[in-house]
PDB file of N, CA and C in Angstrom:
ATOM      1  N   UNK A   1      22.279  -0.239 -28.080  1.00  0.00           N
ATOM      2  CA  UNK A   1      23.437  -1.167 -27.754  1.00  0.00           C
ATOM      3  C   UNK A   1      23.637  -2.035 -29.080  1.00  0.00           C
ATOM      4  N   UNK A   2      24.716  -2.182 -29.305  1.00  0.00           N
ATOM      5  CA  UNK A   2      25.051  -3.184 -30.593  1.00  0.00           C
ATOM      6  C   UNK A   2      24.788  -4.664 -30.179  1.00  0.00           C
ATOM      7  N   UNK A   3      24.602  -5.470 -31.224  1.00  0.00           N
ATOM      8  CA  UNK A   3      24.501  -6.770 -30.896  1.00  0.00           C
ATOM      9  C   UNK A   3      25.857  -7.515 -30.491  1.00  0.00           C
ATOM     10  N   UNK A   4      26.940  -6.873 -30.842  1.00  0.00           N
ATOM     11  CA  UNK A   4      28.151  -7.410 -30.275  1.00  0.00           C
ATOM     12  C   UNK A   4      28.401  -7.194 -28.842  1.00  0.00           C
ATOM     13  N   UNK A   5      27.861  -5.993 -28.256  1.00  0.00           N
ATOM     14  CA  UNK A   5      28.035  -5.788 -26.912  1.00  0.00           C
ATOM     15  C   UNK A   5      26.940  -6.594 -26.209  1.00  0.00           C
ATOM     16  N   UNK A   6      25.863  -7.097 -26.648  1.00  0.00           N
ATOM     17  CA  UNK A   6      24.966  -7.965 -26.025  1.00  0.00           C
ATOM     18  C   UNK A   6      25.675  -9.244 -25.823  1.00  0.00           C
ATOM     19  N   UNK A   7      26.255  -9.737 -27.001  1.00  0.00           N
ATOM     20  CA  UNK A   7      26.962 -11.020 -26.994  1.00  0.00           C
ATOM     21  C   UNK A   7      28.161 -10.969 -25.948  1.00  0.00           C
ATOM     22  N   UNK A   8      28.857  -9.931 -25.764  1.00  0.00           N
ATOM     23  CA  UNK A   8      29.806  -9.882 -24.838  1.00  0.00           C
ATOM     24  C   UNK A   8      29.327  -9.876 -23.405  1.00  0.00           C
ATOM     25  N   UNK A   9      28.182  -9.183 -23.344  1.00  0.00           N
ATOM     26  CA  UNK A   9      27.491  -9.229 -21.944  1.00  0.00           C
ATOM     27  C   UNK A   9      26.951 -10.771 -21.526  1.00  0.00           C
ATOM     28  N   UNK A  10      26.558 -11.306 -22.551  1.00  0.00           N
ATOM     29  CA  UNK A  10      25.985 -12.799 -22.228  1.00  0.00           C
ATOM     30  C   UNK A  10      27.356 -13.588 -21.869  1.00  0.00           C
ATOM     31  N   UNK A  11      28.420 -13.502 -22.733  1.00  0.00           N
ATOM     32  CA  UNK A  11      29.564 -14.312 -22.513  1.00  0.00           C
ATOM     33  C   UNK A  11      30.212 -13.928 -20.980  1.00  0.00           C
ATOM     34  N   UNK A  12      30.262 -12.632 -20.774  1.00  0.00           N
ATOM     35  CA  UNK A  12      30.727 -12.279 -19.391  1.00  0.00           C
ATOM     36  C   UNK A  12      29.821 -12.868 -18.346  1.00  0.00           C
ATOM     37  N   UNK A  13      28.664 -12.740 -18.539  1.00  0.00           N
ATOM     38  CA  UNK A  13      27.623 -13.206 -17.459  1.00  0.00           C
ATOM     39  C   UNK A  13      27.795 -14.770 -17.219  1.00  0.00           C
ATOM     40  N   UNK A  14      27.930 -15.499 -18.300  1.00  0.00           N
ATOM     41  CA  UNK A  14      28.285 -16.904 -18.139  1.00  0.00           C
ATOM     42  C   UNK A  14      29.361 -17.200 -17.468  1.00  0.00           C
ATOM     43  N   UNK A  15      30.593 -16.451 -17.582  1.00  0.00           N
ATOM     44  CA  UNK A  15      31.809 -16.821 -17.168  1.00  0.00           C
ATOM     45  C   UNK A  15      31.915 -16.449 -15.517  1.00  0.00           C
ATOM     46  N   UNK A  16      31.168 -15.261 -15.344  1.00  0.00           N
ATOM     47  CA  UNK A  16      31.192 -14.783 -14.007  1.00  0.00           C
ATOM     48  C   UNK A  16      30.217 -15.946 -13.120  1.00  0.00           C
ATOM     49  N   UNK A  17      29.162 -16.210 -13.542  1.00  0.00           N
ATOM     50  CA  UNK A  17      28.392 -17.244 -13.006  1.00  0.00           C
ATOM     51  C   UNK A  17      29.071 -18.605 -12.775  1.00  0.00           C
ATOM     52  N   UNK A  18      29.776 -19.066 -13.920  1.00  0.00           N
ATOM     53  CA  UNK A  18      30.643 -20.264 -13.869  1.00  0.00           C
ATOM     54  C   UNK A  18      31.686 -20.151 -12.632  1.00  0.00           C
ATOM     55  N   UNK A  19      32.245 -19.015 -12.483  1.00  0.00           N
ATOM     56  CA  UNK A  19      33.280 -18.838 -11.383  1.00  0.00           C
ATOM     57  C   UNK A  19      32.562 -18.988 -10.007  1.00  0.00           C
ATOM     58  N   UNK A  20      31.601 -18.351 -10.074  1.00  0.00           N
ATOM     59  CA  UNK A  20      30.723 -18.388  -8.491  1.00  0.00           C
ATOM     60  C   UNK A  20      30.241 -19.913  -8.354  1.00  0.00           C
ATOM     61  N   UNK A  21      29.677 -20.453  -9.330  1.00  0.00           N
ATOM     62  CA  UNK A  21      29.367 -21.808  -9.131  1.00  0.00           C
ATOM     63  C   UNK A  21      30.453 -22.744  -8.683  1.00  0.00           C
ATOM     64  N   UNK A  22      31.680 -22.648  -9.293  1.00  0.00           N
ATOM     65  CA  UNK A  22      32.758 -23.425  -8.911  1.00  0.00           C
ATOM     66  C   UNK A  22      33.203 -23.019  -7.480  1.00  0.00           C
ATOM     67  N   UNK A  23      33.281 -21.774  -7.102  1.00  0.00           N
ATOM     68  CA  UNK A  23      33.771 -21.421  -5.733  1.00  0.00           C
ATOM     69  C   UNK A  23      32.772 -22.016  -4.809  1.00  0.00           C
ATOM     70  N   UNK A  24      31.436 -21.824  -5.029  1.00  0.00           N
ATOM     71  CA  UNK A  24      30.379 -22.174  -3.970  1.00  0.00           C
ATOM     72  C   UNK A  24      30.543 -23.747  -3.932  1.00  0.00           C
ATOM     73  N   UNK A  25      30.578 -24.619  -5.020  1.00  0.00           N
ATOM     74  CA  UNK A  25      30.601 -25.963  -4.945  1.00  0.00           C
ATOM     75  C   UNK A  25      31.898 -26.482  -4.202  1.00  0.00           C
ATOM     76  N   UNK A  26      32.976 -25.843  -4.526  1.00  0.00           N
ATOM     77  CA  UNK A  26      34.289 -26.323  -3.807  1.00  0.00           C
ATOM     78  C   UNK A  26      34.267 -26.075  -2.301  1.00  0.00           C
ATOM     79  N   UNK A  27      33.701 -24.858  -1.815  1.00  0.00           N
ATOM     80  CA  UNK A  27      33.479 -24.562  -0.418  1.00  0.00           C
ATOM     81  C   UNK A  27      32.368 -25.440   0.248  1.00  0.00           C
ATOM     82  N   UNK A  28      31.312 -25.878  -0.485  1.00  0.00           N
ATOM     83  CA  UNK A  28      30.341 -26.652   0.159  1.00  0.00           C
ATOM     84  C   UNK A  28      31.019 -28.113   0.245  1.00  0.00           C
ATOM     85  N   UNK A  29      31.516 -28.508  -0.773  1.00  0.00           N
ATOM     86  CA  UNK A  29      32.180 -30.026  -0.670  1.00  0.00           C
ATOM     87  C   UNK A  29      33.346 -29.941   0.329  1.00  0.00           C
ATOM     88  N   UNK A  30      33.975 -28.909   0.445  1.00  0.00           N
ATOM     89  CA  UNK A  30      35.071 -28.867   1.404  1.00  0.00           C
ATOM     90  C   UNK A  30      34.601 -28.782   2.937  1.00  0.00           C
ATOM     91  N   UNK A  31      33.463 -28.227   2.962  1.00  0.00           N
ATOM     92  CA  UNK A  31      32.848 -28.141   4.472  1.00  0.00           C
ATOM     93  C   UNK A  31      32.375 -29.679   4.663  1.00  0.00           C
ATOM     94  N   UNK A  32      31.765 -30.109   3.817  1.00  0.00           N
ATOM     95  CA  UNK A  32      31.162 -31.624   4.003  1.00  0.00           C
ATOM     96  C   UNK A  32      32.325 -32.544   4.177  1.00  0.00           C
ATOM     97  N   UNK A  33      33.411 -32.297   3.527  1.00  0.00           N
ATOM     98  CA  UNK A  33      34.557 -33.231   3.651  1.00  0.00           C
ATOM     99  C   UNK A  33      35.126 -33.249   4.862  1.00  0.00           C
ATOM    100  N   UNK A  34      35.267 -32.162   5.623  1.00  0.00           N
ATOM    101  CA  UNK A  34      35.960 -32.137   6.759  1.00  0.00           C
ATOM    102  C   UNK A  34      34.938 -32.596   8.155  1.00  0.00           C
ATOM    103  N   UNK A  35      33.662 -32.697   7.746  1.00  0.00           N
ATOM    104  CA  UNK A  35      33.008 -33.266   8.883  1.00  0.00           C
ATOM    105  C   UNK A  35      33.021 -34.769   8.963  1.00  0.00           C
ATOM    106  N   UNK A  36      32.651 -35.191  10.223  1.00  0.00           N
ATOM    107  CA  UNK A  36      32.653 -36.793  10.283  1.00  0.00           C
ATOM    108  C   UNK A  36      31.286 -37.265   9.788  1.00  0.00           C
ATOM    109  N   UNK A  37      30.395 -36.484  10.249  1.00  0.00           N
ATOM    110  CA  UNK A  37      28.995 -37.023   9.736  1.00  0.00           C
ATOM    111  C   UNK A  37      28.204 -35.729   9.565  1.00  0.00           C
ATOM    112  N   UNK A  38      27.191 -35.889   8.689  1.00  0.00           N
ATOM    113  CA  UNK A  38      26.468 -34.727   8.354  1.00  0.00           C
ATOM    114  C   UNK A  38      24.967 -35.207   8.442  1.00  0.00           C
ATOM    115  N   UNK A  39      24.155 -35.100   9.548  1.00  0.00           N
ATOM    116  CA  UNK A  39      22.698 -35.507   9.619  1.00  0.00           C
ATOM    117  C   UNK A  39      21.843 -34.494   8.881  1.00  0.00           C
ATOM    118  N   UNK A  40      20.610 -34.912   8.646  1.00  0.00           N
ATOM    119  CA  UNK A  40      19.653 -33.979   8.065  1.00  0.00           C
ATOM    120  C   UNK A  40      19.452 -32.763   8.928  1.00  0.00           C
ATOM    121  N   UNK A  41      19.275 -33.000  10.154  1.00  0.00           N
ATOM    122  CA  UNK A  41      18.899 -31.831  10.974  1.00  0.00           C
ATOM    123  C   UNK A  41      20.199 -30.839  11.001  1.00  0.00           C
ATOM    124  N   UNK A  42      21.418 -31.326  11.034  1.00  0.00           N
ATOM    125  CA  UNK A  42      22.637 -30.560  11.033  1.00  0.00           C
ATOM    126  C   UNK A  42      22.681 -29.680   9.625  1.00  0.00           C
ATOM    127  N   UNK A  43      22.362 -30.585   8.535  1.00  0.00           N
ATOM    128  CA  UNK A  43      22.428 -29.850   7.223  1.00  0.00           C
ATOM    129  C   UNK A  43      21.276 -28.723   7.115  1.00  0.00           C
ATOM    130  N   UNK A  44      20.108 -29.108   7.648  1.00  0.00           N
ATOM    131  CA  UNK A  44      19.125 -28.172   7.596  1.00  0.00           C
ATOM    132  C   UNK A  44      19.385 -26.806   8.494  1.00  0.00           C
ATOM    133  N   UNK A  45      19.875 -26.842   9.608  1.00  0.00           N
ATOM    134  CA  UNK A  45      20.294 -25.771  10.289  1.00  0.00           C
ATOM    135  C   UNK A  45      21.358 -25.118   9.832  1.00  0.00           C
ATOM    136  N   UNK A  46      22.330 -25.704   9.099  1.00  0.00           N
ATOM    137  CA  UNK A  46      23.456 -25.086   8.408  1.00  0.00           C
ATOM    138  C   UNK A  46      22.795 -24.165   7.296  1.00  0.00           C
ATOM    139  N   UNK A  47      21.963 -24.705   6.447  1.00  0.00           N
ATOM    140  CA  UNK A  47      21.353 -24.075   5.476  1.00  0.00           C
ATOM    141  C   UNK A  47      20.502 -22.790   6.011  1.00  0.00           C
ATOM    142  N   UNK A  48      19.946 -23.039   7.161  1.00  0.00           N
ATOM    143  CA  UNK A  48      19.061 -22.035   7.670  1.00  0.00           C
ATOM    144  C   UNK A  48      19.870 -20.822   8.231  1.00  0.00           C
ATOM    145  N   UNK A  49      21.183 -20.910   8.331  1.00  0.00           N
ATOM    146  CA  UNK A  49      22.033 -19.714   8.733  1.00  0.00           C
ATOM    147  C   UNK A  49      21.796 -18.674   7.720  1.00  0.00           C
ATOM    148  N   UNK A  50      21.710 -17.350   8.175  1.00  0.00           N
ATOM    149  CA  UNK A  50      21.644 -16.240   7.160  1.00  0.00           C
ATOM    150  C   UNK A  50      22.660 -16.283   6.050  1.00  0.00           C
ATOM    151  N   UNK A  51      23.862 -16.402   6.381  1.00  0.00           N
ATOM    152  CA  UNK A  51      24.996 -16.247   5.539  1.00  0.00           C
ATOM    153  C   UNK A  51      24.872 -17.291   4.382  1.00  0.00           C
ATOM    154  N   UNK A  52      24.676 -18.583   4.924  1.00  0.00           N
ATOM    155  CA  UNK A  52      24.631 -19.883   4.023  1.00  0.00           C
ATOM    156  C   UNK A  52      23.275 -19.652   3.102  1.00  0.00           C
ATOM    157  N   UNK A  53      22.330 -19.166   3.700  1.00  0.00           N
ATOM    158  CA  UNK A  53      21.001 -19.134   2.971  1.00  0.00           C
ATOM    159  C   UNK A  53      21.162 -18.168   1.746  1.00  0.00           C
ATOM    160  N   UNK A  54      21.756 -16.999   2.015  1.00  0.00           N
ATOM    161  CA  UNK A  54      22.010 -15.943   1.010  1.00  0.00           C
ATOM    162  C   UNK A  54      22.994 -16.420   0.000  1.00  0.00           C
ATOM    163  N   UNK A  55      24.170 -17.178   0.297  1.00  0.00           N
ATOM    164  CA  UNK A  55      25.028 -17.709  -0.700  1.00  0.00           C
ATOM    165  C   UNK A  55      24.395 -18.790  -1.479  1.00  0.00           C
ATOM    166  N   UNK A  56      23.458 -19.488  -0.727  1.00  0.00           N
ATOM    167  CA  UNK A  56      22.711 -20.684  -1.555  1.00  0.00           C
ATOM    168  C   UNK A  56      21.737 -20.035  -2.505  1.00  0.00           C
ATOM    169  N   UNK A  57      21.106 -18.927  -2.096  1.00  0.00           N
ATOM    170  CA  UNK A  57      19.922 -18.285  -2.996  1.00  0.00           C
ATOM    171  C   UNK A  57      20.832 -17.522  -4.066  1.00  0.00           C
ATOM    172  N   UNK A  58      22.057 -16.983  -3.891  1.00  0.00           N
ATOM    173  CA  UNK A  58      22.859 -16.590  -5.019  1.00  0.00           C
ATOM    174  C   UNK A  58      23.530 -17.690  -5.961  1.00  0.00           C
ATOM    175  N   UNK A  59      23.631 -18.853  -5.335  1.00  0.00           N
ATOM    176  CA  UNK A  59      24.076 -20.017  -6.264  1.00  0.00           C
ATOM    177  C   UNK A  59      22.895 -20.420  -7.055  1.00  0.00           C
ATOM    178  N   UNK A  60      21.649 -20.393  -6.575  1.00  0.00           N
ATOM    179  CA  UNK A  60      20.511 -20.777  -7.312  1.00  0.00           C
ATOM    180  C   UNK A  60      20.278 -19.812  -8.469  1.00  0.00           C
ATOM    181  N   UNK A  61      20.481 -18.577  -8.157  1.00  0.00           N
ATOM    182  CA  UNK A  61      20.375 -17.574  -9.217  1.00  0.00           C
ATOM    183  C   UNK A  61      21.428 -17.623 -10.191  1.00  0.00           C
ATOM    184  N   UNK A  62      22.519 -17.889  -9.799  1.00  0.00           N
ATOM    185  CA  UNK A  62      23.769 -17.997 -10.777  1.00  0.00           C
ATOM    186  C   UNK A  62      23.486 -19.195 -11.637  1.00  0.00           C
ATOM    187  N   UNK A  63      23.027 -20.313 -11.116  1.00  0.00           N
ATOM    188  CA  UNK A  63      22.687 -21.543 -11.963  1.00  0.00           C
ATOM    189  C   UNK A  63      21.664 -21.160 -13.084  1.00  0.00           C
ATOM    190  N   UNK A  64      20.545 -20.482 -12.725  1.00  0.00           N
ATOM    191  CA  UNK A  64      19.532 -20.092 -13.606  1.00  0.00           C
ATOM    192  C   UNK A  64      19.901 -19.132 -14.526  1.00  0.00           C
ATOM    193  N   UNK A  65      20.736 -18.281 -14.241  1.00  0.00           N
ATOM    194  CA  UNK A  65      21.273 -17.330 -15.329  1.00  0.00           C
ATOM    195  C   UNK A  65      22.217 -17.982 -16.184  1.00  0.00           C
ATOM    196  N   UNK A  66      23.062 -18.893 -15.742  1.00  0.00           N
ATOM    197  CA  UNK A  66      23.953 -19.723 -16.595  1.00  0.00           C
ATOM    198  C   UNK A  66      23.194 -20.514 -17.525  1.00  0.00           C
ATOM    199  N   UNK A  67      22.184 -21.138 -16.999  1.00  0.00           N
ATOM    200  CA  UNK A  67      21.244 -21.896 -17.980  1.00  0.00           C
ATOM    201  C   UNK A  67      20.632 -21.124 -18.866  1.00  0.00           C
ATOM    202  N   UNK A  68      20.048 -20.049 -18.404  1.00  0.00           N
ATOM    203  CA  UNK A  68      19.278 -19.094 -19.464  1.00  0.00           C
ATOM    204  C   UNK A  68      20.180 -18.645 -20.575  1.00  0.00           C
ATOM    205  N   UNK A  69      21.304 -18.223 -20.339  1.00  0.00           N
ATOM    206  CA  UNK A  69      22.426 -17.623 -21.319  1.00  0.00           C
ATOM    207  C   UNK A  69      22.628 -18.912 -22.300  1.00  0.00           C
ATOM    208  N   UNK A  70      22.934 -20.062 -21.747  1.00  0.00           N
ATOM    209  CA  UNK A  70      23.187 -21.135 -22.537  1.00  0.00           C
ATOM    210  C   UNK A  70      22.089 -21.632 -23.542  1.00  0.00           C
ATOM    211  N   UNK A  71      20.755 -21.798 -23.010  1.00  0.00           N
ATOM    212  CA  UNK A  71      19.737 -22.163 -23.731  1.00  0.00           C
ATOM    213  C   UNK A  71      19.308 -20.940 -24.678  1.00  0.00           C
ATOM    214  N   UNK A  72      19.294 -19.780 -24.347  1.00  0.00           N
ATOM    215  CA  UNK A  72      18.902 -18.598 -25.133  1.00  0.00           C
ATOM    216  C   UNK A  72      19.903 -18.587 -26.501  1.00  0.00           C
ATOM    217  N   UNK A  73      21.208 -18.900 -26.140  1.00  0.00           N
ATOM    218  CA  UNK A  73      22.095 -18.956 -27.213  1.00  0.00           C
ATOM    219  C   UNK A  73      21.770 -20.060 -28.166  1.00  0.00           C
ATOM    220  N   UNK A  74      21.637 -21.194 -27.721  1.00  0.00           N
ATOM    221  CA  UNK A  74      21.198 -22.362 -28.461  1.00  0.00           C
ATOM    222  C   UNK A  74      19.896 -22.165 -29.295  1.00  0.00           C
ATOM    223  N   UNK A  75      19.005 -21.517 -28.732  1.00  0.00           N
ATOM    224  CA  UNK A  75      17.617 -21.339 -29.330  1.00  0.00           C
ATOM    225  C   UNK A  75      17.881 -20.360 -30.534  1.00  0.00           C
ATOM    226  N   UNK A  76      18.728 -19.209 -30.073  1.00  0.00           N
ATOM    227  CA  UNK A  76      18.841 -18.225 -31.155  1.00  0.00           C
ATOM    228  C   UNK A  76      19.714 -18.820 -32.242  1.00  0.00           C
ATOM    229  N   UNK A  77      20.644 -19.661 -32.057  1.00  0.00           N
ATOM    230  CA  UNK A  77      21.468 -20.210 -33.076  1.00  0.00           C
ATOM    231  C   UNK A  77      20.723 -21.175 -34.114  1.00  0.00           C
ATOM    232  N   UNK A  78      19.880 -22.098 -33.526  1.00  0.00           N
ATOM    233  CA  UNK A  78      19.354 -23.295 -33.946  1.00  0.00           C
ATOM    234  C   UNK A  78      17.941 -23.241 -34.236  1.00  0.00           C
ATOM    235  N   UNK A  79      16.992 -22.282 -33.698  1.00  0.00           N
ATOM    236  CA  UNK A  79      15.723 -22.264 -34.012  1.00  0.00           C
ATOM    237  C   UNK A  79      15.497 -20.981 -34.785  1.00  0.00           C
ATOM    238  N   UNK A  80      15.013 -21.283 -36.121  1.00  0.00           N
ATOM    239  CA  UNK A  80      14.889 -20.087 -37.183  1.00  0.00           C
ATOM    240  C   UNK A  80      13.570 -19.522 -37.226  1.00  0.00           C
ATOM    241  N   UNK A  81      12.609 -20.193 -36.746  1.00  0.00           N
ATOM    242  CA  UNK A  81      11.313 -19.762 -36.748  1.00  0.00           C
ATOM    243  C   UNK A  81      10.955 -18.891 -35.586  1.00  0.00           C
ATOM    244  N   UNK A  82      10.858 -17.583 -35.778  1.00  0.00           N
ATOM    245  CA  UNK A  82      10.797 -16.678 -34.535  1.00  0.00           C
ATOM    246  C   UNK A  82       9.778 -16.989 -33.640  1.00  0.00           C
ATOM    247  N   UNK A  83       8.555 -17.404 -34.102  1.00  0.00           N
ATOM    248  CA  UNK A  83       7.511 -17.757 -33.061  1.00  0.00           C
ATOM    249  C   UNK A  83       7.863 -18.936 -32.241  1.00  0.00           C
ATOM    250  N   UNK A  84       8.490 -19.997 -32.822  1.00  0.00           N
ATOM    251  CA  UNK A  84       8.810 -21.073 -31.981  1.00  0.00           C
ATOM    252  C   UNK A  84       9.950 -20.627 -31.088  1.00  0.00           C
ATOM    253  N   UNK A  85      10.922 -19.975 -31.603  1.00  0.00           N
ATOM    254  CA  UNK A  85      11.952 -19.439 -30.718  1.00  0.00           C
ATOM    255  C   UNK A  85      11.400 -18.841 -29.404  1.00  0.00           C
ATOM    256  N   UNK A  86      10.663 -17.808 -29.744  1.00  0.00           N
ATOM    257  CA  UNK A  86      10.010 -17.001 -28.642  1.00  0.00           C
ATOM    258  C   UNK A  86       9.091 -17.914 -27.752  1.00  0.00           C
ATOM    259  N   UNK A  87       8.329 -18.817 -28.275  1.00  0.00           N
ATOM    260  CA  UNK A  87       7.556 -19.808 -27.403  1.00  0.00           C
ATOM    261  C   UNK A  87       8.599 -20.591 -26.497  1.00  0.00           C
ATOM    262  N   UNK A  88       9.647 -21.133 -26.979  1.00  0.00           N
ATOM    263  CA  UNK A  88      10.578 -21.976 -26.235  1.00  0.00           C
ATOM    264  C   UNK A  88      11.241 -21.098 -25.157  1.00  0.00           C
ATOM    265  N   UNK A  89      11.582 -19.907 -25.646  1.00  0.00           N
ATOM    266  CA  UNK A  89      12.353 -19.006 -24.605  1.00  0.00           C
ATOM    267  C   UNK A  89      11.221 -18.596 -23.462  1.00  0.00           C
ATOM    268  N   UNK A  90      10.069 -18.501 -23.806  1.00  0.00           N
ATOM    269  CA  UNK A  90       9.018 -18.102 -22.821  1.00  0.00           C
ATOM    270  C   UNK A  90       8.783 -19.423 -21.816  1.00  0.00           C
ATOM    271  N   UNK A  91       8.734 -20.516 -22.397  1.00  0.00           N
ATOM    272  CA  UNK A  91       8.595 -21.754 -21.487  1.00  0.00           C
ATOM    273  C   UNK A  91       9.958 -21.828 -20.695  1.00  0.00           C
ATOM    274  N   UNK A  92      11.013 -21.815 -21.291  1.00  0.00           N
ATOM    275  CA  UNK A  92      12.422 -21.773 -20.625  1.00  0.00           C
ATOM    276  C   UNK A  92      12.210 -20.823 -19.461  1.00  0.00           C
ATOM    277  N   UNK A  93      11.915 -19.557 -19.603  1.00  0.00           N
ATOM    278  CA  UNK A  93      11.844 -18.545 -18.598  1.00  0.00           C
ATOM    279  C   UNK A  93      10.933 -18.727 -17.478  1.00  0.00           C
ATOM    280  N   UNK A  94       9.767 -19.437 -17.738  1.00  0.00           N
ATOM    281  CA  UNK A  94       8.835 -19.674 -16.840  1.00  0.00           C
ATOM    282  C   UNK A  94       9.301 -21.046 -16.105  1.00  0.00           C
ATOM    283  N   UNK A  95       9.954 -21.931 -16.596  1.00  0.00           N
ATOM    284  CA  UNK A  95      10.476 -23.014 -15.723  1.00  0.00           C
ATOM    285  C   UNK A  95      11.665 -22.498 -14.948  1.00  0.00           C
ATOM    286  N   UNK A  96      12.473 -21.754 -15.257  1.00  0.00           N
ATOM    287  CA  UNK A  96      13.512 -21.152 -14.586  1.00  0.00           C
ATOM    288  C   UNK A  96      13.145 -20.225 -13.420  1.00  0.00           C
ATOM    289  N   UNK A  97      12.060 -19.354 -13.637  1.00  0.00           N
ATOM    290  CA  UNK A  97      11.522 -18.631 -12.510  1.00  0.00           C
ATOM    291  C   UNK A  97      10.739 -19.477 -11.492  1.00  0.00           C
ATOM    292  N   UNK A  98      10.192 -20.425 -11.998  1.00  0.00           N
ATOM    293  CA  UNK A  98       9.541 -21.349 -10.990  1.00  0.00           C
ATOM    294  C   UNK A  98      10.582 -21.941 -10.125  1.00  0.00           C
ATOM    295  N   UNK A  99      11.529 -22.570 -10.769  1.00  0.00           N
ATOM    296  CA  UNK A  99      12.655 -23.103 -10.042  1.00  0.00           C
ATOM    297  C   UNK A  99      13.359 -22.177  -8.908  1.00  0.00           C
ATOM    298  N   UNK A 100      13.448 -20.905  -9.378  1.00  0.00           N
ATOM    299  CA  UNK A 100      14.021 -20.060  -8.370  1.00  0.00           C
ATOM    300  C   UNK A 100      13.064 -19.782  -7.213  1.00  0.00           C
ATOM    301  N   UNK A 101      11.833 -19.526  -7.516  1.00  0.00           N
ATOM    302  CA  UNK A 101      10.862 -19.302  -6.441  1.00  0.00           C
ATOM    303  C   UNK A 101      10.803 -20.532  -5.564  1.00  0.00           C
ATOM    304  N   UNK A 102      10.847 -21.677  -6.141  1.00  0.00           N
ATOM    305  CA  UNK A 102      10.608 -23.013  -5.292  1.00  0.00           C
ATOM    306  C   UNK A 102      11.952 -22.996  -4.450  1.00  0.00           C
ATOM    307  N   UNK A 103      13.035 -22.703  -4.926  1.00  0.00           N
ATOM    308  CA  UNK A 103      14.409 -22.517  -4.077  1.00  0.00           C
ATOM    309  C   UNK A 103      14.273 -21.623  -2.927  1.00  0.00           C
ATOM    310  N   UNK A 104      13.925 -20.516  -3.308  1.00  0.00           N
ATOM    311  CA  UNK A 104      13.705 -19.319  -2.217  1.00  0.00           C
ATOM    312  C   UNK A 104      12.667 -19.793  -1.177  1.00  0.00           C
ATOM    313  N   UNK A 105      11.867 -20.582  -1.692  1.00  0.00           N
ATOM    314  CA  UNK A 105      10.798 -20.955  -0.628  1.00  0.00           C
ATOM    315  C   UNK A 105      11.390 -22.108   0.205  1.00  0.00           C
ATOM    316  N   UNK A 106      12.112 -22.961  -0.356  1.00  0.00           N
ATOM    317  CA  UNK A 106      12.732 -24.100   0.376  1.00  0.00           C
ATOM    318  C   UNK A 106      13.746 -23.477   1.332  1.00  0.00           C
ATOM    319  N   UNK A 107      14.581 -22.508   1.135  1.00  0.00           N
ATOM    320  CA  UNK A 107      15.344 -21.784   1.886  1.00  0.00           C
ATOM    321  C   UNK A 107      14.867 -21.004   3.059  1.00  0.00           C
ATOM    322  N   UNK A 108      13.781 -20.484   2.592  1.00  0.00           N
ATOM    323  CA  UNK A 108      13.007 -19.707   3.662  1.00  0.00           C
ATOM    324  C   UNK A 108      12.413 -20.677   4.740  1.00  0.00           C
ATOM    325  N   UNK A 109      12.010 -21.873   4.322  1.00  0.00           N
ATOM    326  CA  UNK A 109      11.354 -22.760   5.236  1.00  0.00           C
ATOM    327  C   UNK A 109      12.420 -23.305   6.086  1.00  0.00           C
ATOM    328  N   UNK A 110      13.588 -23.583   5.419  1.00  0.00           N
ATOM    329  CA  UNK A 110      14.766 -24.175   6.401  1.00  0.00           C
ATOM    330  C   UNK A 110      15.128 -22.920   7.410  1.00  0.00           C
ATOM    331  N   UNK A 111      15.073 -21.752   6.962  1.00  0.00           N
ATOM    332  CA  UNK A 111      15.574 -20.770   7.954  1.00  0.00           C
ATOM    333  C   UNK A 111      14.559 -20.452   9.137  1.00  0.00           C
ATOM    334  N   UNK A 112      13.284 -20.663   8.904  1.00  0.00           N
ATOM    335  CA  UNK A 112      12.285 -20.375   9.929  1.00  0.00           C
ATOM    336  C   UNK A 112      12.032 -21.882  10.552  1.00  0.00           C
ATOM    337  N   UNK A 113      12.588 -22.934  10.057  1.00  0.00           N
ATOM    338  CA  UNK A 113      12.326 -24.184  10.928  1.00  0.00           C
ATOM    339  C   UNK A 113      11.044 -24.957  10.560  1.00  0.00           C
ATOM    340  N   UNK A 114      10.177 -24.680   9.571  1.00  0.00           N
ATOM    341  CA  UNK A 114       9.115 -25.306   9.286  1.00  0.00           C
ATOM    342  C   UNK A 114       9.460 -26.746   8.562  1.00  0.00           C
ATOM    343  N   UNK A 115       8.750 -27.602   8.845  1.00  0.00           N
ATOM    344  CA  UNK A 115       8.828 -28.975   8.307  1.00  0.00           C
ATOM    345  C   UNK A 115       8.161 -28.960   6.850  1.00  0.00           C
ATOM    346  N   UNK A 116       7.141 -28.431   6.649  1.00  0.00           N
ATOM    347  CA  UNK A 116       6.427 -28.435   5.177  1.00  0.00           C
ATOM    348  C   UNK A 116       7.418 -27.944   4.259  1.00  0.00           C
TER     349      UNK A 116
END
């Protein structure tokens, strides 16, 4: 695959994730705006619903992919030492993967009703 195709794929990925992020945020804020009050237990049960849990997990994945493409492009453009670029990419990937796993854990606990 050519480097131009890789750049196009990254550009498209960032645009598609941005569209999903915008749609998700508009829908969540709209849902919150039409409610009179939104207690913690209502919010937790709302996130515990299967459809909302899946869309929220996809939101978290979209955020992480969007961040990855942006940081990767900045590192490629501005960090010229290959070893340092790879180190920073590895650290970024580890932080993003940990964030995704933490989000999935939180959504799973909300779905099963555990307080921890």
